[in-house]
């Protein structure tokens, strides 16, 4: 599933082709995605000039004067910028037809993604009650420590709670906890303040590196086919259960934590 770095990479890839362009038409081939595509999306976007392409958590925000299209890639969603005449393929569900002669096309085989509409001056329920962004000043070790007091849930599940901090999924929670030396099974309320300071720093470093790698290995978002232009992952623990730790050589362990596969080093993480 795309996580924050992949979504940010997508944002950076499509933004130059969208900002300042006018939406001539919105084509909905499949209305039934994770949630039905609302008619207000078509009505709201048609004829509007795109002012910005933003991101909140794992949501892409296509902003206009009338409101904002909220796009989530789900588990398999991909956005491409294509020539208007490019024939649609299977699972091409949504097109934004631009005045440049190009289209922003959304392909999603599993249909777990979504396209929603937020009128100007309102806040969609999907964007309510979200925690701080990992790169905001509000996200600190002190914030994590205060929010974790009294919590018995594993620290990995706590870190993936979007009300605590947004955009951290299974991959980057595992990697950040490894860099911070914290066992993902440890109860969130039993992690010390100074260890949360290391964890907040690890989260920022891991995400920043992933975003940088996305920028340097990005495939062409104008290409009509091929895999998404995401970075080549350089993972130390995620998906490596039973393999030697790259830091100390100890075999990595795996378990299910919060219904998600988790891997850690029993020597490096306490």
C-alpha atoms as a PDB file:
ATOM      1  CA  UNK A   1       0.000   0.000   0.000  1.00  0.00           C
ATOM      2  CA  UNK A   2       1.383   3.457  -0.851  1.00  0.00           C
ATOM      3  CA  UNK A   3       2.597   5.261   2.254  1.00  0.00           C
ATOM      4  CA  UNK A   4       3.457   8.911   2.836  1.00  0.00           C
ATOM      5  CA  UNK A   5       6.687   8.973   0.764  1.00  0.00           C
ATOM      6  CA  UNK A   6       4.966   7.346  -2.218  1.00  0.00           C
ATOM      7  CA  UNK A   7       2.043   9.755  -1.968  1.00  0.00           C
ATOM      8  CA  UNK A   8       4.408  12.724  -1.674  1.00  0.00           C
ATOM      9  CA  UNK A   9       6.384  11.424  -4.650  1.00  0.00           C
ATOM     10  CA  UNK A  10       3.158  11.190  -6.638  1.00  0.00           C
ATOM     11  CA  UNK A  11       2.210  14.733  -5.606  1.00  0.00           C
ATOM     12  CA  UNK A  12       5.544  16.094  -6.778  1.00  0.00           C
ATOM     13  CA  UNK A  13       5.275  14.154 -10.012  1.00  0.00           C
ATOM     14  CA  UNK A  14       1.825  15.345 -11.067  1.00  0.00           C
ATOM     15  CA  UNK A  15       1.767  18.890  -9.616  1.00  0.00           C
ATOM     16  CA  UNK A  16       3.756  20.584 -12.435  1.00  0.00           C
ATOM     17  CA  UNK A  17       1.247  19.268 -14.976  1.00  0.00           C
ATOM     18  CA  UNK A  18      -1.855  20.299 -13.015  1.00  0.00           C
ATOM     19  CA  UNK A  19      -1.233  23.622 -11.276  1.00  0.00           C
ATOM     20  CA  UNK A  20      -2.592  26.502 -13.329  1.00  0.00           C
ATOM     21  CA  UNK A  21      -4.509  24.217 -15.703  1.00  0.00           C
ATOM     22  CA  UNK A  22      -8.288  24.335 -16.086  1.00  0.00           C
ATOM     23  CA  UNK A  23     -10.427  21.206 -15.729  1.00  0.00           C
ATOM     24  CA  UNK A  24     -12.472  20.926 -18.922  1.00  0.00           C
ATOM     25  CA  UNK A  25     -14.215  17.691 -18.052  1.00  0.00           C
ATOM     26  CA  UNK A  26     -14.381  14.999 -15.371  1.00  0.00           C
ATOM     27  CA  UNK A  27     -14.882  11.466 -16.699  1.00  0.00           C
ATOM     28  CA  UNK A  28     -16.087   8.841 -14.220  1.00  0.00           C
ATOM     29  CA  UNK A  29     -15.964   5.326 -15.669  1.00  0.00           C
ATOM     30  CA  UNK A  30     -16.424   3.572 -12.335  1.00  0.00           C
ATOM     31  CA  UNK A  31     -18.340   5.369  -9.625  1.00  0.00           C
ATOM     32  CA  UNK A  32     -18.079   2.559  -7.085  1.00  0.00           C
ATOM     33  CA  UNK A  33     -14.619   2.838  -5.550  1.00  0.00           C
ATOM     34  CA  UNK A  34     -13.968   2.462  -1.810  1.00  0.00           C
ATOM     35  CA  UNK A  35     -16.776   4.966  -1.439  1.00  0.00           C
ATOM     36  CA  UNK A  36     -19.025   6.056  -4.313  1.00  0.00           C
ATOM     37  CA  UNK A  37     -17.624   9.015  -6.259  1.00  0.00           C
ATOM     38  CA  UNK A  38     -20.023  11.851  -5.358  1.00  0.00           C
ATOM     39  CA  UNK A  39     -21.769  13.794  -8.162  1.00  0.00           C
ATOM     40  CA  UNK A  40     -20.580  16.963  -6.419  1.00  0.00           C
ATOM     41  CA  UNK A  41     -16.999  16.084  -7.478  1.00  0.00           C
ATOM     42  CA  UNK A  42     -17.883  16.389 -11.156  1.00  0.00           C
ATOM     43  CA  UNK A  43     -19.975  19.497 -10.615  1.00  0.00           C
ATOM     44  CA  UNK A  44     -17.368  21.128  -8.398  1.00  0.00           C
ATOM     45  CA  UNK A  45     -14.298  20.488 -10.536  1.00  0.00           C
ATOM     46  CA  UNK A  46     -15.694  21.153 -13.999  1.00  0.00           C
ATOM     47  CA  UNK A  47     -14.418  24.471 -15.330  1.00  0.00           C
ATOM     48  CA  UNK A  48     -12.208  25.155 -12.319  1.00  0.00           C
ATOM     49  CA  UNK A  49      -8.563  26.193 -12.424  1.00  0.00           C
ATOM     50  CA  UNK A  50      -6.276  24.064 -10.257  1.00  0.00           C
ATOM     51  CA  UNK A  51      -4.574  26.328  -7.718  1.00  0.00           C
ATOM     52  CA  UNK A  52      -2.424  23.740  -5.942  1.00  0.00           C
ATOM     53  CA  UNK A  53      -1.805  20.043  -5.431  1.00  0.00           C
ATOM     54  CA  UNK A  54      -1.317  19.385  -1.737  1.00  0.00           C
ATOM     55  CA  UNK A  55      -1.146  16.439   0.615  1.00  0.00           C
ATOM     56  CA  UNK A  56      -2.613  15.713   4.036  1.00  0.00           C
ATOM     57  CA  UNK A  57      -1.566  12.401   5.535  1.00  0.00           C
ATOM     58  CA  UNK A  58      -1.934   9.907   2.653  1.00  0.00           C
ATOM     59  CA  UNK A  59      -4.557  12.005   0.864  1.00  0.00           C
ATOM     60  CA  UNK A  60      -3.748  14.057  -2.245  1.00  0.00           C
ATOM     61  CA  UNK A  61      -5.586  17.389  -2.392  1.00  0.00           C
ATOM     62  CA  UNK A  62      -6.379  18.925  -5.791  1.00  0.00           C
ATOM     63  CA  UNK A  63      -7.324  22.449  -4.765  1.00  0.00           C
ATOM     64  CA  UNK A  64      -9.554  24.891  -6.656  1.00  0.00           C
ATOM     65  CA  UNK A  65     -11.520  28.009  -5.774  1.00  0.00           C
ATOM     66  CA  UNK A  66     -14.738  25.969  -5.566  1.00  0.00           C
ATOM     67  CA  UNK A  67     -13.301  23.268  -3.345  1.00  0.00           C
ATOM     68  CA  UNK A  68     -10.868  20.381  -3.142  1.00  0.00           C
ATOM     69  CA  UNK A  69     -10.813  16.923  -4.693  1.00  0.00           C
ATOM     70  CA  UNK A  70      -9.561  14.456  -2.080  1.00  0.00           C
ATOM     71  CA  UNK A  71      -7.779  11.475  -3.629  1.00  0.00           C
ATOM     72  CA  UNK A  72      -6.549   8.359  -1.847  1.00  0.00           C
ATOM     73  CA  UNK A  73      -4.549   5.752  -3.770  1.00  0.00           C
ATOM     74  CA  UNK A  74      -5.777   2.858  -1.635  1.00  0.00           C
ATOM     75  CA  UNK A  75      -3.757  -0.338  -2.057  1.00  0.00           C
ATOM     76  CA  UNK A  76      -3.180  -0.269  -5.812  1.00  0.00           C
ATOM     77  CA  UNK A  77      -4.079   3.186  -7.115  1.00  0.00           C
ATOM     78  CA  UNK A  78      -1.854   4.995  -9.615  1.00  0.00           C
ATOM     79  CA  UNK A  79      -2.103   8.490 -11.106  1.00  0.00           C
ATOM     80  CA  UNK A  80      -0.615   9.226 -14.531  1.00  0.00           C
ATOM     81  CA  UNK A  81      -0.571  12.327 -16.742  1.00  0.00           C
ATOM     82  CA  UNK A  82      -1.349  11.236 -20.305  1.00  0.00           C
ATOM     83  CA  UNK A  83      -2.276  12.600 -23.716  1.00  0.00           C
ATOM     84  CA  UNK A  84      -6.052  13.045 -23.988  1.00  0.00           C
ATOM     85  CA  UNK A  85      -6.203  10.570 -26.875  1.00  0.00           C
ATOM     86  CA  UNK A  86      -4.587   7.743 -24.866  1.00  0.00           C
ATOM     87  CA  UNK A  87      -7.114   4.880 -24.870  1.00  0.00           C
ATOM     88  CA  UNK A  88      -8.299   3.867 -21.399  1.00  0.00           C
ATOM     89  CA  UNK A  89      -7.121   0.529 -20.054  1.00  0.00           C
ATOM     90  CA  UNK A  90      -8.889  -1.826 -17.668  1.00  0.00           C
ATOM     91  CA  UNK A  91      -9.293  -0.284 -14.195  1.00  0.00           C
ATOM     92  CA  UNK A  92      -8.917   3.309 -15.476  1.00  0.00           C
ATOM     93  CA  UNK A  93     -11.727   4.746 -13.359  1.00  0.00           C
ATOM     94  CA  UNK A  94     -11.382   8.555 -13.319  1.00  0.00           C
ATOM     95  CA  UNK A  95     -10.026  11.164 -15.764  1.00  0.00           C
ATOM     96  CA  UNK A  96      -9.508  14.867 -15.195  1.00  0.00           C
ATOM     97  CA  UNK A  97      -9.406  16.346 -18.700  1.00  0.00           C
ATOM     98  CA  UNK A  98      -7.185  19.435 -18.666  1.00  0.00           C
ATOM     99  CA  UNK A  99      -7.028  22.417 -20.997  1.00  0.00           C
ATOM    100  CA  UNK A 100      -3.441  21.430 -21.833  1.00  0.00           C
ATOM    101  CA  UNK A 101      -4.675  18.488 -23.903  1.00  0.00           C
ATOM    102  CA  UNK A 102      -3.642  16.030 -21.216  1.00  0.00           C
ATOM    103  CA  UNK A 103      -5.583  14.026 -18.672  1.00  0.00           C
ATOM    104  CA  UNK A 104      -4.860  13.023 -15.102  1.00  0.00           C
ATOM    105  CA  UNK A 105      -5.904   9.352 -15.101  1.00  0.00           C
ATOM    106  CA  UNK A 106      -6.592   7.228 -12.035  1.00  0.00           C
ATOM    107  CA  UNK A 107      -6.060   3.472 -12.341  1.00  0.00           C
ATOM    108  CA  UNK A 108      -6.938   1.197  -9.425  1.00  0.00           C
ATOM    109  CA  UNK A 109      -7.368  -2.569  -9.960  1.00  0.00           C
ATOM    110  CA  UNK A 110      -8.560  -3.241  -6.391  1.00  0.00           C
ATOM    111  CA  UNK A 111     -10.786  -0.159  -6.202  1.00  0.00           C
ATOM    112  CA  UNK A 112      -9.797   0.586  -2.597  1.00  0.00           C
ATOM    113  CA  UNK A 113      -8.857   4.141  -3.524  1.00  0.00           C
ATOM    114  CA  UNK A 114     -11.262   7.059  -3.442  1.00  0.00           C
ATOM    115  CA  UNK A 115     -12.188  10.390  -5.014  1.00  0.00           C
ATOM    116  CA  UNK A 116     -14.153  12.657  -2.680  1.00  0.00           C
ATOM    117  CA  UNK A 117     -15.165  16.330  -2.715  1.00  0.00           C
ATOM    118  CA  UNK A 118     -14.678  19.021  -0.084  1.00  0.00           C
ATOM    119  CA  UNK A 119     -16.511  22.286  -0.861  1.00  0.00           C
ATOM    120  CA  UNK A 120     -14.632  25.513  -0.175  1.00  0.00           C
ATOM    121  CA  UNK A 121     -14.861  26.574   3.449  1.00  0.00           C
ATOM    122  CA  UNK A 122     -15.679  23.080   4.707  1.00  0.00           C
ATOM    123  CA  UNK A 123     -13.594  20.216   6.058  1.00  0.00           C
ATOM    124  CA  UNK A 124     -14.357  16.683   4.954  1.00  0.00           C
ATOM    125  CA  UNK A 125     -14.805  14.114   7.704  1.00  0.00           C
ATOM    126  CA  UNK A 126     -11.896  12.094   6.259  1.00  0.00           C
ATOM    127  CA  UNK A 127      -9.554  14.988   7.107  1.00  0.00           C
ATOM    128  CA  UNK A 128     -10.960  15.613  10.575  1.00  0.00           C
ATOM    129  CA  UNK A 129      -9.273  14.359  13.751  1.00  0.00           C
ATOM    130  CA  UNK A 130      -5.910  13.778  12.095  1.00  0.00           C
ATOM    131  CA  UNK A 131      -2.699  14.168  14.055  1.00  0.00           C
ATOM    132  CA  UNK A 132       0.256  16.358  13.083  1.00  0.00           C
ATOM    133  CA  UNK A 133       2.331  15.781   9.958  1.00  0.00           C
ATOM    134  CA  UNK A 134       5.706  14.142  10.685  1.00  0.00           C
ATOM    135  CA  UNK A 135       7.592  17.220   9.442  1.00  0.00           C
ATOM    136  CA  UNK A 136       5.543  19.763  11.380  1.00  0.00           C
ATOM    137  CA  UNK A 137       6.951  21.433  14.480  1.00  0.00           C
ATOM    138  CA  UNK A 138       4.080  19.949  16.487  1.00  0.00           C
ATOM    139  CA  UNK A 139       5.433  16.435  15.960  1.00  0.00           C
ATOM    140  CA  UNK A 140       8.036  15.939  18.668  1.00  0.00           C
ATOM    141  CA  UNK A 141       9.174  13.316  21.121  1.00  0.00           C
ATOM    142  CA  UNK A 142       7.350  15.219  23.852  1.00  0.00           C
ATOM    143  CA  UNK A 143       4.119  15.040  21.831  1.00  0.00           C
ATOM    144  CA  UNK A 144       4.502  11.269  21.456  1.00  0.00           C
ATOM    145  CA  UNK A 145       5.371  10.829  25.124  1.00  0.00           C
ATOM    146  CA  UNK A 146       2.368  12.836  26.348  1.00  0.00           C
ATOM    147  CA  UNK A 147      -0.041  11.098  23.957  1.00  0.00           C
ATOM    148  CA  UNK A 148       1.231   7.664  24.991  1.00  0.00           C
ATOM    149  CA  UNK A 149       0.743   7.956  28.738  1.00  0.00           C
ATOM    150  CA  UNK A 150      -1.427   5.157  30.062  1.00  0.00           C
ATOM    151  CA  UNK A 151      -1.598   3.346  26.719  1.00  0.00           C
ATOM    152  CA  UNK A 152      -1.106  -0.403  26.773  1.00  0.00           C
ATOM    153  CA  UNK A 153      -1.188  -0.911  22.997  1.00  0.00           C
ATOM    154  CA  UNK A 154       2.120  -1.843  21.339  1.00  0.00           C
ATOM    155  CA  UNK A 155       4.181   1.176  20.407  1.00  0.00           C
ATOM    156  CA  UNK A 156       4.083   0.160  16.733  1.00  0.00           C
ATOM    157  CA  UNK A 157       0.277   0.260  16.674  1.00  0.00           C
ATOM    158  CA  UNK A 158       0.409   3.572  18.559  1.00  0.00           C
ATOM    159  CA  UNK A 159       2.770   5.047  15.948  1.00  0.00           C
ATOM    160  CA  UNK A 160       0.452   3.975  13.118  1.00  0.00           C
ATOM    161  CA  UNK A 161      -2.576   5.679  14.717  1.00  0.00           C
ATOM    162  CA  UNK A 162      -3.404   8.586  12.380  1.00  0.00           C
ATOM    163  CA  UNK A 163      -4.731  10.582  15.339  1.00  0.00           C
ATOM    164  CA  UNK A 164      -1.209  10.547  16.808  1.00  0.00           C
ATOM    165  CA  UNK A 165       0.799  11.280  13.661  1.00  0.00           C
ATOM    166  CA  UNK A 166      -0.320  10.971  10.062  1.00  0.00           C
ATOM    167  CA  UNK A 167       1.092   9.036   7.159  1.00  0.00           C
ATOM    168  CA  UNK A 168       3.111   6.364   8.967  1.00  0.00           C
ATOM    169  CA  UNK A 169       2.136   2.907   7.739  1.00  0.00           C
ATOM    170  CA  UNK A 170       3.509  -0.533   8.383  1.00  0.00           C
ATOM    171  CA  UNK A 171       6.767  -0.158   6.453  1.00  0.00           C
ATOM    172  CA  UNK A 172       7.971   3.094   7.997  1.00  0.00           C
ATOM    173  CA  UNK A 173       6.761   2.289  11.501  1.00  0.00           C
ATOM    174  CA  UNK A 174       8.934  -0.840  11.418  1.00  0.00           C
ATOM    175  CA  UNK A 175      11.935   1.010   9.992  1.00  0.00           C
ATOM    176  CA  UNK A 176      11.681   3.992  12.370  1.00  0.00           C
ATOM    177  CA  UNK A 177      11.386   1.753  15.426  1.00  0.00           C
ATOM    178  CA  UNK A 178      14.507  -0.110  14.313  1.00  0.00           C
ATOM    179  CA  UNK A 179      16.460   3.138  13.913  1.00  0.00           C
ATOM    180  CA  UNK A 180      15.265   4.251  17.360  1.00  0.00           C
ATOM    181  CA  UNK A 181      16.150   0.886  18.940  1.00  0.00           C
ATOM    182  CA  UNK A 182      12.611   0.285  20.268  1.00  0.00           C
ATOM    183  CA  UNK A 183      10.953  -3.140  20.350  1.00  0.00           C
ATOM    184  CA  UNK A 184       7.639  -2.752  18.445  1.00  0.00           C
ATOM    185  CA  UNK A 185       5.862  -4.970  21.002  1.00  0.00           C
ATOM    186  CA  UNK A 186       6.632  -2.687  23.948  1.00  0.00           C
ATOM    187  CA  UNK A 187       3.578  -0.964  25.422  1.00  0.00           C
ATOM    188  CA  UNK A 188       3.426   2.635  24.215  1.00  0.00           C
ATOM    189  CA  UNK A 189       2.933   3.893  27.774  1.00  0.00           C
ATOM    190  CA  UNK A 190       6.178   2.216  28.886  1.00  0.00           C
ATOM    191  CA  UNK A 191       8.467   3.993  26.426  1.00  0.00           C
ATOM    192  CA  UNK A 192      10.531   6.726  28.082  1.00  0.00           C
ATOM    193  CA  UNK A 193      10.458  10.365  27.001  1.00  0.00           C
ATOM    194  CA  UNK A 194      14.055  10.330  25.706  1.00  0.00           C
ATOM    195  CA  UNK A 195      13.338   7.236  23.619  1.00  0.00           C
ATOM    196  CA  UNK A 196      10.342   8.978  22.056  1.00  0.00           C
ATOM    197  CA  UNK A 197      12.648  11.852  21.147  1.00  0.00           C
ATOM    198  CA  UNK A 198      14.828   9.362  19.256  1.00  0.00           C
ATOM    199  CA  UNK A 199      11.733   7.853  17.646  1.00  0.00           C
ATOM    200  CA  UNK A 200      10.405  11.207  16.407  1.00  0.00           C
ATOM    201  CA  UNK A 201      13.805  11.953  14.907  1.00  0.00           C
ATOM    202  CA  UNK A 202      13.949   8.480  13.328  1.00  0.00           C
ATOM    203  CA  UNK A 203      10.512   8.932  11.764  1.00  0.00           C
ATOM    204  CA  UNK A 204      11.582  12.183  10.119  1.00  0.00           C
ATOM    205  CA  UNK A 205      14.895  10.771   8.901  1.00  0.00           C
ATOM    206  CA  UNK A 206      13.364   7.587   7.461  1.00  0.00           C
ATOM    207  CA  UNK A 207      10.572   9.455   5.682  1.00  0.00           C
ATOM    208  CA  UNK A 208      12.874  12.196   4.393  1.00  0.00           C
ATOM    209  CA  UNK A 209      15.267   9.613   2.961  1.00  0.00           C
ATOM    210  CA  UNK A 210      12.409   7.741   1.294  1.00  0.00           C
ATOM    211  CA  UNK A 211      11.059  10.959  -0.245  1.00  0.00           C
ATOM    212  CA  UNK A 212      14.556  11.853  -1.463  1.00  0.00           C
ATOM    213  CA  UNK A 213      14.944   8.433  -3.043  1.00  0.00           C
ATOM    214  CA  UNK A 214      11.570   8.927  -4.692  1.00  0.00           C
ATOM    215  CA  UNK A 215      12.835  12.121  -6.231  1.00  0.00           C
ATOM    216  CA  UNK A 216      16.004  10.539  -7.563  1.00  0.00           C
ATOM    217  CA  UNK A 217      14.448   7.331  -8.948  1.00  0.00           C
ATOM    218  CA  UNK A 218      11.142   8.761 -10.151  1.00  0.00           C
ATOM    219  CA  UNK A 219       9.836   7.266 -13.374  1.00  0.00           C
ATOM    220  CA  UNK A 220       8.166   9.538 -15.907  1.00  0.00           C
ATOM    221  CA  UNK A 221       4.643  10.430 -14.782  1.00  0.00           C
ATOM    222  CA  UNK A 222       3.911  11.203 -18.432  1.00  0.00           C
ATOM    223  CA  UNK A 223       4.512   7.586 -19.470  1.00  0.00           C
ATOM    224  CA  UNK A 224       1.312   5.745 -20.393  1.00  0.00           C
ATOM    225  CA  UNK A 225       2.405   2.421 -18.939  1.00  0.00           C
ATOM    226  CA  UNK A 226       4.833   0.874 -16.456  1.00  0.00           C
ATOM    227  CA  UNK A 227       4.996   0.785 -12.696  1.00  0.00           C
ATOM    228  CA  UNK A 228       4.438   3.854 -10.523  1.00  0.00           C
ATOM    229  CA  UNK A 229       7.428   6.118 -10.086  1.00  0.00           C
ATOM    230  CA  UNK A 230       8.149   5.191  -6.494  1.00  0.00           C
ATOM    231  CA  UNK A 231      11.576   4.964  -4.922  1.00  0.00           C
ATOM    232  CA  UNK A 232      13.548   1.767  -4.675  1.00  0.00           C
ATOM    233  CA  UNK A 233      13.100   0.774  -1.060  1.00  0.00           C
ATOM    234  CA  UNK A 234      16.162   0.227   1.124  1.00  0.00           C
ATOM    235  CA  UNK A 235      14.682  -1.600   4.089  1.00  0.00           C
ATOM    236  CA  UNK A 236      16.532  -2.846   7.176  1.00  0.00           C
ATOM    237  CA  UNK A 237      13.798  -4.898   8.855  1.00  0.00           C
ATOM    238  CA  UNK A 238      10.464  -4.762   7.030  1.00  0.00           C
ATOM    239  CA  UNK A 239       9.820  -8.015   5.151  1.00  0.00           C
ATOM    240  CA  UNK A 240      13.098  -9.575   6.345  1.00  0.00           C
ATOM    241  CA  UNK A 241      11.836 -12.003   9.017  1.00  0.00           C
ATOM    242  CA  UNK A 242      14.507 -14.638   9.732  1.00  0.00           C
ATOM    243  CA  UNK A 243      17.249 -12.841   7.827  1.00  0.00           C
ATOM    244  CA  UNK A 244      20.334 -11.481   9.616  1.00  0.00           C
ATOM    245  CA  UNK A 245      20.158  -7.976  11.027  1.00  0.00           C
ATOM    246  CA  UNK A 246      22.198  -5.639   8.835  1.00  0.00           C
ATOM    247  CA  UNK A 247      23.536  -3.930  11.967  1.00  0.00           C
ATOM    248  CA  UNK A 248      24.499  -6.854  14.214  1.00  0.00           C
ATOM    249  CA  UNK A 249      23.866 -10.101  12.326  1.00  0.00           C
ATOM    250  CA  UNK A 250      21.248 -11.467  14.740  1.00  0.00           C
ATOM    251  CA  UNK A 251      18.358 -13.245  12.974  1.00  0.00           C
ATOM    252  CA  UNK A 252      15.365 -10.931  12.777  1.00  0.00           C
ATOM    253  CA  UNK A 253      12.101 -11.987  14.386  1.00  0.00           C
ATOM    254  CA  UNK A 254       8.573 -11.592  13.095  1.00  0.00           C
ATOM    255  CA  UNK A 255       5.098 -11.533  14.612  1.00  0.00           C
ATOM    256  CA  UNK A 256       1.678 -10.024  14.001  1.00  0.00           C
ATOM    257  CA  UNK A 257       1.206  -6.762  15.898  1.00  0.00           C
ATOM    258  CA  UNK A 258      -2.088  -4.944  15.569  1.00  0.00           C
ATOM    259  CA  UNK A 259      -3.068  -7.266  12.696  1.00  0.00           C
ATOM    260  CA  UNK A 260       0.026  -6.273  10.719  1.00  0.00           C
ATOM    261  CA  UNK A 261       3.150  -8.294  10.009  1.00  0.00           C
ATOM    262  CA  UNK A 262       6.037  -6.902  12.047  1.00  0.00           C
ATOM    263  CA  UNK A 263       9.764  -7.604  12.050  1.00  0.00           C
ATOM    264  CA  UNK A 264      12.430  -6.458  14.515  1.00  0.00           C
ATOM    265  CA  UNK A 265      15.898  -7.242  15.785  1.00  0.00           C
ATOM    266  CA  UNK A 266      15.893  -8.824  19.268  1.00  0.00           C
ATOM    267  CA  UNK A 267      19.409  -7.464  19.907  1.00  0.00           C
ATOM    268  CA  UNK A 268      19.146  -3.924  18.549  1.00  0.00           C
ATOM    269  CA  UNK A 269      15.599  -3.197  19.723  1.00  0.00           C
ATOM    270  CA  UNK A 270      14.554  -3.213  23.378  1.00  0.00           C
END
